[in-house]
């Protein structure tokens, strides 16, 4: 499937031809450029990787919540220690994936 990029805002459209107007910024069809095969492939790969990062972020937030509940339960000092360390690691995983996504946006690996 062809990919078209809005030259005004960067919106990526998938389709046989560019849309009549950009769904994001409203510029006319003439403002879209067709991406070549390499660029279109990078968009697809970036979409996949960014979705995986989003999933990792979500899982890290779920782990943080579980660890917070474990810390609150405070069965014993060993459990609190494990939950505390795990919560810190979950935060680190979340921040790593968020930083990577930020880098992707800066390099145009989005779409």
PDB file of N, CA and C in Angstrom:
ATOM      1  N   UNK A   1       0.838  -1.176   0.000  1.00  0.00           N
ATOM      2  CA  UNK A   1       0.000   0.000   0.000  1.00  0.00           C
ATOM      3  C   UNK A   1       0.886   1.245   0.000  1.00  0.00           C
ATOM      4  N   UNK A   2       0.523   2.214  -0.774  1.00  0.00           N
ATOM      5  CA  UNK A   2       1.291   3.460  -0.853  1.00  0.00           C
ATOM      6  C   UNK A   2       1.131   4.263   0.431  1.00  0.00           C
ATOM      7  N   UNK A   3       2.152   5.066   0.697  1.00  0.00           N
ATOM      8  CA  UNK A   3       2.121   5.959   1.846  1.00  0.00           C
ATOM      9  C   UNK A   3       2.378   7.370   1.350  1.00  0.00           C
ATOM     10  N   UNK A   4       1.608   8.304   1.888  1.00  0.00           N
ATOM     11  CA  UNK A   4       1.677   9.702   1.503  1.00  0.00           C
ATOM     12  C   UNK A   4       1.941  10.533   2.752  1.00  0.00           C
ATOM     13  N   UNK A   5       2.865  11.486   2.653  1.00  0.00           N
ATOM     14  CA  UNK A   5       3.213  12.320   3.801  1.00  0.00           C
ATOM     15  C   UNK A   5       2.790  13.763   3.543  1.00  0.00           C
ATOM     16  N   UNK A   6       2.100  14.324   4.520  1.00  0.00           N
ATOM     17  CA  UNK A   6       1.705  15.728   4.446  1.00  0.00           C
ATOM     18  C   UNK A   6       2.951  16.580   4.664  1.00  0.00           C
ATOM     19  N   UNK A   7       3.243  17.439   3.708  1.00  0.00           N
ATOM     20  CA  UNK A   7       4.440  18.271   3.817  1.00  0.00           C
ATOM     21  C   UNK A   7       4.260  19.398   4.835  1.00  0.00           C
ATOM     22  N   UNK A   8       3.029  19.647   5.261  1.00  0.00           N
ATOM     23  CA  UNK A   8       2.783  20.704   6.237  1.00  0.00           C
ATOM     24  C   UNK A   8       2.944  20.214   7.681  1.00  0.00           C
ATOM     25  N   UNK A   9       2.385  19.034   7.986  1.00  0.00           N
ATOM     26  CA  UNK A   9       2.388  18.582   9.390  1.00  0.00           C
ATOM     27  C   UNK A   9       3.060  17.232   9.611  1.00  0.00           C
ATOM     28  N   UNK A  10       3.340  16.494   8.534  1.00  0.00           N
ATOM     29  CA  UNK A  10       3.996  15.200   8.682  1.00  0.00           C
ATOM     30  C   UNK A  10       3.068  14.008   8.811  1.00  0.00           C
ATOM     31  N   UNK A  11       1.769  14.231   8.770  1.00  0.00           N
ATOM     32  CA  UNK A  11       0.802  13.128   8.854  1.00  0.00           C
ATOM     33  C   UNK A  11       1.086  12.129   7.728  1.00  0.00           C
ATOM     34  N   UNK A  12       1.033  10.835   8.048  1.00  0.00           N
ATOM     35  CA  UNK A  12       1.232   9.781   7.053  1.00  0.00           C
ATOM     36  C   UNK A  12      -0.120   9.154   6.735  1.00  0.00           C
ATOM     37  N   UNK A  13      -0.458   9.133   5.447  1.00  0.00           N
ATOM     38  CA  UNK A  13      -1.704   8.529   4.977  1.00  0.00           C
ATOM     39  C   UNK A  13      -1.375   7.254   4.219  1.00  0.00           C
ATOM     40  N   UNK A  14      -2.139   6.203   4.463  1.00  0.00           N
ATOM     41  CA  UNK A  14      -2.012   4.946   3.741  1.00  0.00           C
ATOM     42  C   UNK A  14      -3.155   4.857   2.740  1.00  0.00           C
ATOM     43  N   UNK A  15      -2.828   4.632   1.475  1.00  0.00           N
ATOM     44  CA  UNK A  15      -3.880   4.498   0.474  1.00  0.00           C
ATOM     45  C   UNK A  15      -3.338   4.573  -0.936  1.00  0.00           C
ATOM     46  N   UNK A  16      -4.167   4.263  -1.883  1.00  0.00           N
ATOM     47  CA  UNK A  16      -3.771   4.282  -3.291  1.00  0.00           C
ATOM     48  C   UNK A  16      -3.396   5.687  -3.746  1.00  0.00           C
ATOM     49  N   UNK A  17      -4.050   6.690  -3.144  1.00  0.00           N
ATOM     50  CA  UNK A  17      -3.719   8.074  -3.464  1.00  0.00           C
ATOM     51  C   UNK A  17      -3.857   8.924  -2.203  1.00  0.00           C
ATOM     52  N   UNK A  18      -3.348  10.122  -2.264  1.00  0.00           N
ATOM     53  CA  UNK A  18      -3.423  11.030  -1.122  1.00  0.00           C
ATOM     54  C   UNK A  18      -4.881  11.398  -0.840  1.00  0.00           C
ATOM     55  N   UNK A  19      -5.198  11.718   0.425  1.00  0.00           N
ATOM     56  CA  UNK A  19      -6.562  12.136   0.740  1.00  0.00           C
ATOM     57  C   UNK A  19      -6.850  13.525   0.153  1.00  0.00           C
ATOM     58  N   UNK A  20      -8.103  13.853   0.019  1.00  0.00           N
ATOM     59  CA  UNK A  20      -8.493  15.158  -0.531  1.00  0.00           C
ATOM     60  C   UNK A  20      -7.962  16.307   0.320  1.00  0.00           C
ATOM     61  N   UNK A  21      -7.921  16.087   1.637  1.00  0.00           N
ATOM     62  CA  UNK A  21      -7.310  17.061   2.540  1.00  0.00           C
ATOM     63  C   UNK A  21      -6.721  16.306   3.715  1.00  0.00           C
ATOM     64  N   UNK A  22      -5.741  16.912   4.355  1.00  0.00           N
ATOM     65  CA  UNK A  22      -5.074  16.270   5.492  1.00  0.00           C
ATOM     66  C   UNK A  22      -6.036  16.196   6.681  1.00  0.00           C
ATOM     67  N   UNK A  23      -6.216  14.991   7.256  1.00  0.00           N
ATOM     68  CA  UNK A  23      -7.102  14.851   8.410  1.00  0.00           C
ATOM     69  C   UNK A  23      -6.611  15.622   9.638  1.00  0.00           C
ATOM     70  N   UNK A  24      -5.309  15.890   9.696  1.00  0.00           N
ATOM     71  CA  UNK A  24      -4.761  16.586  10.859  1.00  0.00           C
ATOM     72  C   UNK A  24      -4.788  18.093  10.701  1.00  0.00           C
ATOM     73  N   UNK A  25      -4.224  18.595   9.594  1.00  0.00           N
ATOM     74  CA  UNK A  25      -4.080  20.052   9.468  1.00  0.00           C
ATOM     75  C   UNK A  25      -4.959  20.678   8.393  1.00  0.00           C
ATOM     76  N   UNK A  26      -5.597  19.851   7.555  1.00  0.00           N
ATOM     77  CA  UNK A  26      -6.562  20.361   6.595  1.00  0.00           C
ATOM     78  C   UNK A  26      -6.012  20.881   5.275  1.00  0.00           C
ATOM     79  N   UNK A  27      -4.697  20.776   5.039  1.00  0.00           N
ATOM     80  CA  UNK A  27      -4.176  21.260   3.757  1.00  0.00           C
ATOM     81  C   UNK A  27      -4.685  20.362   2.626  1.00  0.00           C
ATOM     82  N   UNK A  28      -4.713  20.893   1.396  1.00  0.00           N
ATOM     83  CA  UNK A  28      -5.232  20.107   0.272  1.00  0.00           C
ATOM     84  C   UNK A  28      -4.294  18.978  -0.160  1.00  0.00           C
ATOM     85  N   UNK A  29      -4.859  18.097  -0.947  1.00  0.00           N
ATOM     86  CA  UNK A  29      -4.189  16.904  -1.476  1.00  0.00           C
ATOM     87  C   UNK A  29      -2.814  17.210  -2.076  1.00  0.00           C
ATOM     88  N   UNK A  30      -2.693  18.354  -2.713  1.00  0.00           N
ATOM     89  CA  UNK A  30      -1.448  18.723  -3.393  1.00  0.00           C
ATOM     90  C   UNK A  30      -0.260  18.878  -2.438  1.00  0.00           C
ATOM     91  N   UNK A  31      -0.541  18.977  -1.147  1.00  0.00           N
ATOM     92  CA  UNK A  31       0.529  19.129  -0.151  1.00  0.00           C
ATOM     93  C   UNK A  31       1.127  17.783   0.272  1.00  0.00           C
ATOM     94  N   UNK A  32       0.575  16.687  -0.236  1.00  0.00           N
ATOM     95  CA  UNK A  32       1.086  15.352   0.103  1.00  0.00           C
ATOM     96  C   UNK A  32       2.127  14.912  -0.915  1.00  0.00           C
ATOM     97  N   UNK A  33       3.151  14.223  -0.419  1.00  0.00           N
ATOM     98  CA  UNK A  33       4.159  13.619  -1.295  1.00  0.00           C
ATOM     99  C   UNK A  33       4.140  12.112  -1.061  1.00  0.00           C
ATOM    100  N   UNK A  34       4.290  11.361  -2.127  1.00  0.00           N
ATOM    101  CA  UNK A  34       4.330   9.909  -1.993  1.00  0.00           C
ATOM    102  C   UNK A  34       5.702   9.488  -1.483  1.00  0.00           C
ATOM    103  N   UNK A  35       5.714   8.623  -0.489  1.00  0.00           N
ATOM    104  CA  UNK A  35       6.976   8.121   0.044  1.00  0.00           C
ATOM    105  C   UNK A  35       7.503   7.017  -0.865  1.00  0.00           C
ATOM    106  N   UNK A  36       8.822   6.990  -1.028  1.00  0.00           N
ATOM    107  CA  UNK A  36       9.403   5.906  -1.814  1.00  0.00           C
ATOM    108  C   UNK A  36       9.348   4.619  -0.992  1.00  0.00           C
ATOM    109  N   UNK A  37       9.694   3.520  -1.624  1.00  0.00           N
ATOM    110  CA  UNK A  37       9.566   2.211  -0.983  1.00  0.00           C
ATOM    111  C   UNK A  37      10.378   2.107   0.307  1.00  0.00           C
ATOM    112  N   UNK A  38      11.590   2.643   0.314  1.00  0.00           N
ATOM    113  CA  UNK A  38      12.438   2.577   1.513  1.00  0.00           C
ATOM    114  C   UNK A  38      11.817   3.368   2.663  1.00  0.00           C
ATOM    115  N   UNK A  39      11.331   4.565   2.370  1.00  0.00           N
ATOM    116  CA  UNK A  39      10.713   5.396   3.412  1.00  0.00           C
ATOM    117  C   UNK A  39       9.424   4.765   3.920  1.00  0.00           C
ATOM    118  N   UNK A  40       8.617   4.205   3.017  1.00  0.00           N
ATOM    119  CA  UNK A  40       7.367   3.553   3.414  1.00  0.00           C
ATOM    120  C   UNK A  40       7.647   2.338   4.290  1.00  0.00           C
ATOM    121  N   UNK A  41       8.684   1.596   3.958  1.00  0.00           N
ATOM    122  CA  UNK A  41       9.067   0.433   4.761  1.00  0.00           C
ATOM    123  C   UNK A  41       9.513   0.863   6.154  1.00  0.00           C
ATOM    124  N   UNK A  42      10.262   1.962   6.231  1.00  0.00           N
ATOM    125  CA  UNK A  42      10.700   2.473   7.525  1.00  0.00           C
ATOM    126  C   UNK A  42       9.505   2.901   8.376  1.00  0.00           C
ATOM    127  N   UNK A  43       8.503   3.492   7.756  1.00  0.00           N
ATOM    128  CA  UNK A  43       7.292   3.879   8.482  1.00  0.00           C
ATOM    129  C   UNK A  43       6.627   2.634   9.076  1.00  0.00           C
ATOM    130  N   UNK A  44       6.482   1.580   8.283  1.00  0.00           N
ATOM    131  CA  UNK A  44       5.850   0.351   8.783  1.00  0.00           C
ATOM    132  C   UNK A  44       6.643  -0.257   9.933  1.00  0.00           C
ATOM    133  N   UNK A  45       7.953  -0.338   9.754  1.00  0.00           N
ATOM    134  CA  UNK A  45       8.793  -0.896  10.819  1.00  0.00           C
ATOM    135  C   UNK A  45       8.721  -0.029  12.065  1.00  0.00           C
ATOM    136  N   UNK A  46       8.718   1.291  11.881  1.00  0.00           N
ATOM    137  CA  UNK A  46       8.645   2.210  13.012  1.00  0.00           C
ATOM    138  C   UNK A  46       7.315   2.079  13.744  1.00  0.00           C
ATOM    139  N   UNK A  47       6.237   1.936  12.987  1.00  0.00           N
ATOM    140  CA  UNK A  47       4.926   1.759  13.625  1.00  0.00           C
ATOM    141  C   UNK A  47       4.936   0.513  14.505  1.00  0.00           C
ATOM    142  N   UNK A  48       5.502  -0.568  13.993  1.00  0.00           N
ATOM    143  CA  UNK A  48       5.568  -1.813  14.755  1.00  0.00           C
ATOM    144  C   UNK A  48       6.412  -1.641  16.015  1.00  0.00           C
ATOM    145  N   UNK A  49       7.614  -1.100  15.863  1.00  0.00           N
ATOM    146  CA  UNK A  49       8.505  -0.938  17.011  1.00  0.00           C
ATOM    147  C   UNK A  49       7.916   0.017  18.035  1.00  0.00           C
ATOM    148  N   UNK A  50       7.330   1.112  17.583  1.00  0.00           N
ATOM    149  CA  UNK A  50       6.737   2.065  18.520  1.00  0.00           C
ATOM    150  C   UNK A  50       5.555   1.456  19.257  1.00  0.00           C
ATOM    151  N   UNK A  51       4.795   0.597  18.602  1.00  0.00           N
ATOM    152  CA  UNK A  51       3.703  -0.108  19.280  1.00  0.00           C
ATOM    153  C   UNK A  51       4.261  -1.053  20.342  1.00  0.00           C
ATOM    154  N   UNK A  52       5.378  -1.699  20.044  1.00  0.00           N
ATOM    155  CA  UNK A  52       6.013  -2.578  21.035  1.00  0.00           C
ATOM    156  C   UNK A  52       6.515  -1.771  22.230  1.00  0.00           C
ATOM    157  N   UNK A  53       7.089  -0.601  21.961  1.00  0.00           N
ATOM    158  CA  UNK A  53       7.515   0.272  23.072  1.00  0.00           C
ATOM    159  C   UNK A  53       6.307   0.704  23.902  1.00  0.00           C
ATOM    160  N   UNK A  54       5.211   1.061  23.247  1.00  0.00           N
ATOM    161  CA  UNK A  54       4.004   1.461  23.979  1.00  0.00           C
ATOM    162  C   UNK A  54       3.503   0.317  24.855  1.00  0.00           C
ATOM    163  N   UNK A  55       3.580  -0.897  24.329  1.00  0.00           N
ATOM    164  CA  UNK A  55       3.163  -2.073  25.104  1.00  0.00           C
ATOM    165  C   UNK A  55       4.093  -2.269  26.302  1.00  0.00           C
ATOM    166  N   UNK A  56       5.403  -2.118  26.096  1.00  0.00           N
ATOM    167  CA  UNK A  56       6.366  -2.251  27.194  1.00  0.00           C
ATOM    168  C   UNK A  56       6.099  -1.198  28.269  1.00  0.00           C
ATOM    169  N   UNK A  57       5.783   0.015  27.848  1.00  0.00           N
ATOM    170  CA  UNK A  57       5.465   1.087  28.803  1.00  0.00           C
ATOM    171  C   UNK A  57       4.231   0.719  29.614  1.00  0.00           C
ATOM    172  N   UNK A  58       3.206   0.217  28.941  1.00  0.00           N
ATOM    173  CA  UNK A  58       1.988  -0.179  29.630  1.00  0.00           C
ATOM    174  C   UNK A  58       2.260  -1.297  30.634  1.00  0.00           C
ATOM    175  N   UNK A  59       3.025  -2.294  30.214  1.00  0.00           N
ATOM    176  CA  UNK A  59       3.351  -3.399  31.122  1.00  0.00           C
ATOM    177  C   UNK A  59       4.172  -2.901  32.319  1.00  0.00           C
ATOM    178  N   UNK A  60       5.095  -1.985  32.078  1.00  0.00           N
ATOM    179  CA  UNK A  60       5.903  -1.433  33.171  1.00  0.00           C
ATOM    180  C   UNK A  60       5.006  -0.691  34.168  1.00  0.00           C
ATOM    181  N   UNK A  61       4.025   0.029  33.659  1.00  0.00           N
ATOM    182  CA  UNK A  61       3.102   0.743  34.556  1.00  0.00           C
ATOM    183  C   UNK A  61       2.245  -0.242  35.357  1.00  0.00           C
ATOM    184  N   UNK A  62       1.853  -1.335  34.725  1.00  0.00           N
ATOM    185  CA  UNK A  62       1.110  -2.364  35.451  1.00  0.00           C
ATOM    186  C   UNK A  62       1.974  -2.979  36.544  1.00  0.00           C
ATOM    187  N   UNK A  63       3.254  -3.234  36.219  1.00  0.00           N
ATOM    188  CA  UNK A  63       4.171  -3.790  37.213  1.00  0.00           C
ATOM    189  C   UNK A  63       4.372  -2.806  38.356  1.00  0.00           C
ATOM    190  N   UNK A  64       4.486  -1.530  38.028  1.00  0.00           N
ATOM    191  CA  UNK A  64       4.603  -0.511  39.084  1.00  0.00           C
ATOM    192  C   UNK A  64       3.414  -0.570  40.037  1.00  0.00           C
ATOM    193  N   UNK A  65       2.218  -0.680  39.479  1.00  0.00           N
ATOM    194  CA  UNK A  65       1.008  -0.733  40.302  1.00  0.00           C
ATOM    195  C   UNK A  65       0.989  -1.982  41.177  1.00  0.00           C
ATOM    196  N   UNK A  66       1.376  -3.117  40.615  1.00  0.00           N
ATOM    197  CA  UNK A  66       1.418  -4.357  41.397  1.00  0.00           C
ATOM    198  C   UNK A  66       2.440  -4.245  42.529  1.00  0.00           C
ATOM    199  N   UNK A  67       3.576  -3.654  42.211  1.00  0.00           N
ATOM    200  CA  UNK A  67       4.610  -3.489  43.233  1.00  0.00           C
ATOM    201  C   UNK A  67       4.160  -2.527  44.331  1.00  0.00           C
ATOM    202  N   UNK A  68       3.482  -1.460  43.956  1.00  0.00           N
ATOM    203  CA  UNK A  68       2.966  -0.523  44.959  1.00  0.00           C
ATOM    204  C   UNK A  68       1.989  -1.233  45.901  1.00  0.00           C
ATOM    205  N   UNK A  69       1.152  -2.097  45.335  1.00  0.00           N
ATOM    206  CA  UNK A  69       0.222  -2.867  46.169  1.00  0.00           C
ATOM    207  C   UNK A  69       0.985  -3.818  47.087  1.00  0.00           C
ATOM    208  N   UNK A  70       2.052  -4.436  46.570  1.00  0.00           N
ATOM    209  CA  UNK A  70       2.859  -5.331  47.392  1.00  0.00           C
ATOM    210  C   UNK A  70       3.570  -4.597  48.512  1.00  0.00           C
ATOM    211  N   UNK A  71       4.044  -3.385  48.216  1.00  0.00           N
ATOM    212  CA  UNK A  71       4.698  -2.577  49.252  1.00  0.00           C
ATOM    213  C   UNK A  71       3.689  -2.203  50.330  1.00  0.00           C
ATOM    214  N   UNK A  72       2.493  -1.825  49.901  1.00  0.00           N
ATOM    215  CA  UNK A  72       1.442  -1.453  50.850  1.00  0.00           C
ATOM    216  C   UNK A  72       1.036  -2.646  51.717  1.00  0.00           C
ATOM    217  N   UNK A  73       0.975  -3.831  51.125  1.00  0.00           N
ATOM    218  CA  UNK A  73       0.608  -5.041  51.869  1.00  0.00           C
ATOM    219  C   UNK A  73       1.641  -5.359  52.943  1.00  0.00           C
ATOM    220  N   UNK A  74       2.913  -5.154  52.614  1.00  0.00           N
ATOM    221  CA  UNK A  74       4.026  -5.270  53.572  1.00  0.00           C
ATOM    222  C   UNK A  74       3.995  -6.569  54.382  1.00  0.00           C
ATOM    223  N   UNK A  75       3.902  -7.710  53.658  1.00  0.00           N
ATOM    224  CA  UNK A  75       3.891  -9.000  54.353  1.00  0.00           C
ATOM    225  C   UNK A  75       5.117  -9.176  55.238  1.00  0.00           C
ATOM    226  N   UNK A  76       6.272  -8.885  54.680  1.00  0.00           N
ATOM    227  CA  UNK A  76       7.500  -8.958  55.459  1.00  0.00           C
ATOM    228  C   UNK A  76       8.568  -8.097  54.767  1.00  0.00           C
ATOM    229  N   UNK A  77       9.666  -7.808  55.442  1.00  0.00           N
ATOM    230  CA  UNK A  77      10.697  -6.936  54.865  1.00  0.00           C
ATOM    231  C   UNK A  77      11.264  -7.449  53.537  1.00  0.00           C
ATOM    232  N   UNK A  78      11.383  -8.762  53.390  1.00  0.00           N
ATOM    233  CA  UNK A  78      11.897  -9.323  52.138  1.00  0.00           C
ATOM    234  C   UNK A  78      10.982  -9.005  50.955  1.00  0.00           C
ATOM    235  N   UNK A  79       9.682  -9.155  51.173  1.00  0.00           N
ATOM    236  CA  UNK A  79       8.710  -8.844  50.119  1.00  0.00           C
ATOM    237  C   UNK A  79       8.744  -7.358  49.772  1.00  0.00           C
ATOM    238  N   UNK A  80       8.775  -6.510  50.777  1.00  0.00           N
ATOM    239  CA  UNK A  80       8.817  -5.067  50.540  1.00  0.00           C
ATOM    240  C   UNK A  80      10.066  -4.714  49.743  1.00  0.00           C
ATOM    241  N   UNK A  81      11.184  -5.342  50.063  1.00  0.00           N
ATOM    242  CA  UNK A  81      12.434  -5.082  49.347  1.00  0.00           C
ATOM    243  C   UNK A  81      12.322  -5.491  47.874  1.00  0.00           C
ATOM    244  N   UNK A  82      11.781  -6.674  47.625  1.00  0.00           N
ATOM    245  CA  UNK A  82      11.624  -7.143  46.247  1.00  0.00           C
ATOM    246  C   UNK A  82      10.674  -6.228  45.475  1.00  0.00           C
ATOM    247  N   UNK A  83       9.550  -5.873  46.086  1.00  0.00           N
ATOM    248  CA  UNK A  83       8.598  -5.000  45.405  1.00  0.00           C
ATOM    249  C   UNK A  83       9.184  -3.603  45.168  1.00  0.00           C
ATOM    250  N   UNK A  84       9.954  -3.110  46.115  1.00  0.00           N
ATOM    251  CA  UNK A  84      10.579  -1.790  45.961  1.00  0.00           C
ATOM    252  C   UNK A  84      11.581  -1.792  44.821  1.00  0.00           C
ATOM    253  N   UNK A  85      12.436  -2.802  44.786  1.00  0.00           N
ATOM    254  CA  UNK A  85      13.428  -2.912  43.704  1.00  0.00           C
ATOM    255  C   UNK A  85      12.746  -3.121  42.350  1.00  0.00           C
ATOM    256  N   UNK A  86      11.722  -3.957  42.335  1.00  0.00           N
ATOM    257  CA  UNK A  86      11.014  -4.229  41.081  1.00  0.00           C
ATOM    258  C   UNK A  86      10.293  -2.990  40.567  1.00  0.00           C
ATOM    259  N   UNK A  87       9.738  -2.206  41.487  1.00  0.00           N
ATOM    260  CA  UNK A  87       9.077  -0.964  41.074  1.00  0.00           C
ATOM    261  C   UNK A  87      10.085   0.000  40.454  1.00  0.00           C
ATOM    262  N   UNK A  88      11.265   0.090  41.027  1.00  0.00           N
ATOM    263  CA  UNK A  88      12.320   0.947  40.463  1.00  0.00           C
ATOM    264  C   UNK A  88      12.745   0.464  39.080  1.00  0.00           C
ATOM    265  N   UNK A  89      12.855  -0.850  38.907  1.00  0.00           N
ATOM    266  CA  UNK A  89      13.216  -1.399  37.596  1.00  0.00           C
ATOM    267  C   UNK A  89      12.117  -1.151  36.573  1.00  0.00           C
ATOM    268  N   UNK A  90      10.860  -1.277  36.981  1.00  0.00           N
ATOM    269  CA  UNK A  90       9.740  -1.013  36.078  1.00  0.00           C
ATOM    270  C   UNK A  90       9.781   0.442  35.619  1.00  0.00           C
ATOM    271  N   UNK A  91      10.066   1.352  36.539  1.00  0.00           N
ATOM    272  CA  UNK A  91      10.183   2.775  36.192  1.00  0.00           C
ATOM    273  C   UNK A  91      11.291   2.972  35.166  1.00  0.00           C
ATOM    274  N   UNK A  92      12.418   2.290  35.365  1.00  0.00           N
ATOM    275  CA  UNK A  92      13.548   2.405  34.438  1.00  0.00           C
ATOM    276  C   UNK A  92      13.170   1.885  33.046  1.00  0.00           C
ATOM    277  N   UNK A  93      12.481   0.752  32.969  1.00  0.00           N
ATOM    278  CA  UNK A  93      12.035   0.202  31.687  1.00  0.00           C
ATOM    279  C   UNK A  93      11.117   1.191  30.982  1.00  0.00           C
ATOM    280  N   UNK A  94      10.181   1.760  31.738  1.00  0.00           N
ATOM    281  CA  UNK A  94       9.254   2.724  31.165  1.00  0.00           C
ATOM    282  C   UNK A  94      10.009   3.924  30.599  1.00  0.00           C
ATOM    283  N   UNK A  95      10.937   4.466  31.355  1.00  0.00           N
ATOM    284  CA  UNK A  95      11.684   5.647  30.916  1.00  0.00           C
ATOM    285  C   UNK A  95      12.575   5.331  29.714  1.00  0.00           C
ATOM    286  N   UNK A  96      13.165   4.141  29.667  1.00  0.00           N
ATOM    287  CA  UNK A  96      13.988   3.757  28.511  1.00  0.00           C
ATOM    288  C   UNK A  96      13.150   3.722  27.237  1.00  0.00           C
ATOM    289  N   UNK A  97      11.988   3.090  27.302  1.00  0.00           N
ATOM    290  CA  UNK A  97      11.135   3.010  26.115  1.00  0.00           C
ATOM    291  C   UNK A  97      10.615   4.386  25.710  1.00  0.00           C
ATOM    292  N   UNK A  98      10.273   5.215  26.675  1.00  0.00           N
ATOM    293  CA  UNK A  98       9.797   6.563  26.352  1.00  0.00           C
ATOM    294  C   UNK A  98      10.910   7.377  25.682  1.00  0.00           C
ATOM    295  N   UNK A  99      12.119   7.246  26.181  1.00  0.00           N
ATOM    296  CA  UNK A  99      13.245   7.972  25.597  1.00  0.00           C
ATOM    297  C   UNK A  99      13.527   7.486  24.181  1.00  0.00           C
ATOM    298  N   UNK A 100      13.422   6.187  23.965  1.00  0.00           N
ATOM    299  CA  UNK A 100      13.632   5.641  22.621  1.00  0.00           C
ATOM    300  C   UNK A 100      12.575   6.161  21.655  1.00  0.00           C
ATOM    301  N   UNK A 101      11.333   6.210  22.092  1.00  0.00           N
ATOM    302  CA  UNK A 101      10.276   6.756  21.241  1.00  0.00           C
ATOM    303  C   UNK A 101      10.536   8.232  20.920  1.00  0.00           C
ATOM    304  N   UNK A 102      11.004   8.978  21.894  1.00  0.00           N
ATOM    305  CA  UNK A 102      11.330  10.383  21.665  1.00  0.00           C
ATOM    306  C   UNK A 102      12.404  10.498  20.580  1.00  0.00           C
ATOM    307  N   UNK A 103      13.397   9.621  20.642  1.00  0.00           N
ATOM    308  CA  UNK A 103      14.440   9.596  19.620  1.00  0.00           C
ATOM    309  C   UNK A 103      13.872   9.246  18.261  1.00  0.00           C
ATOM    310  N   UNK A 104      12.948   8.306  18.203  1.00  0.00           N
ATOM    311  CA  UNK A 104      12.313   7.931  16.942  1.00  0.00           C
ATOM    312  C   UNK A 104      11.610   9.134  16.326  1.00  0.00           C
ATOM    313  N   UNK A 105      10.899   9.881  17.143  1.00  0.00           N
ATOM    314  CA  UNK A 105      10.181  11.051  16.619  1.00  0.00           C
ATOM    315  C   UNK A 105      11.162  12.060  16.042  1.00  0.00           C
ATOM    316  N   UNK A 106      12.277  12.266  16.724  1.00  0.00           N
ATOM    317  CA  UNK A 106      13.271  13.220  16.257  1.00  0.00           C
ATOM    318  C   UNK A 106      13.931  12.795  14.942  1.00  0.00           C
ATOM    319  N   UNK A 107      13.965  11.501  14.694  1.00  0.00           N
ATOM    320  CA  UNK A 107      14.592  10.970  13.476  1.00  0.00           C
ATOM    321  C   UNK A 107      13.565  10.667  12.385  1.00  0.00           C
ATOM    322  N   UNK A 108      12.307  11.011  12.619  1.00  0.00           N
ATOM    323  CA  UNK A 108      11.278  10.741  11.631  1.00  0.00           C
ATOM    324  C   UNK A 108      10.848   9.286  11.572  1.00  0.00           C
ATOM    325  N   UNK A 109      11.197   8.509  12.599  1.00  0.00           N
ATOM    326  CA  UNK A 109      10.792   7.101  12.656  1.00  0.00           C
ATOM    327  C   UNK A 109       9.460   7.000  13.384  1.00  0.00           C
ATOM    328  N   UNK A 110       8.464   7.507  12.721  1.00  0.00           N
ATOM    329  CA  UNK A 110       7.134   7.542  13.290  1.00  0.00           C
ATOM    330  C   UNK A 110       6.186   7.315  12.146  1.00  0.00           C
ATOM    331  N   UNK A 111       4.941   7.513  12.316  1.00  0.00           N
ATOM    332  CA  UNK A 111       4.049   7.426  11.187  1.00  0.00           C
ATOM    333  C   UNK A 111       2.738   6.822  11.472  1.00  0.00           C
TER     334      UNK A 111
END
